[in-house]
């Protein structure tokens, strides 16, 4: 694949490294919102700032380039992207977290939430920690966890966010009653799994059409 990387920070650099190790080429690197998307890429992988995410996606769509996006903090516009894909037959995959471990974490928690649905004595809460450079708070991963739990338990789950040092990402889900505390947690050790996940999704997406999420990719292999 010829990959256009949009957002050339720590994640963009990791995507470049792993993509090349898998035999893909980098057709364009975009590290500024003022830079135009060029023709000739097979797919774009976006890890840009939240502010520029929507415009970057549209620029790719206008060039008929499928998009894999891991940027969070812009999701007020996600319905516009879904509508654009439907009307213009564009191709897009979004995930707040491309780590296989985190996506297994989502599935494990959903199973626990379905059990907790029958135990009203337990309340749920979410703690998340990231590095001090992370702009959005709470994280997109924490928001997804909350949405999943709230949809099952039919009540609001609070999120507590912290920004500490160089933490790559820690998410903890707590189910607590007056008598017991149950904790489920995931800690990212490095960015490799995020980058690898985005590239695997790109390889899968390139032959597809429409709007997709990480579950669509995972379910194709289950």
Foldseek 3Di string as FASTA:
>chain_A
DAEEEEACDPLSVLLQVVCVVVPYHHPYYHNDLPDADDADGLAYEYDHELVSVVVVCVRCVVNLHAYEYQYDDNCVCVVVVQVCLVVSQHHYEYDVFLFPVLVVLLVVLLVVLLVCLPPVQKAKEKEKEAAPPDDDPPGPSRVVSQVSNCVRNVDGYYYHYYHDHHFHMKMKMWIDGPVDIDIDMDGDPDCNRRSVSSVLVSVVRSPDTHYYYVVVVVVVVD
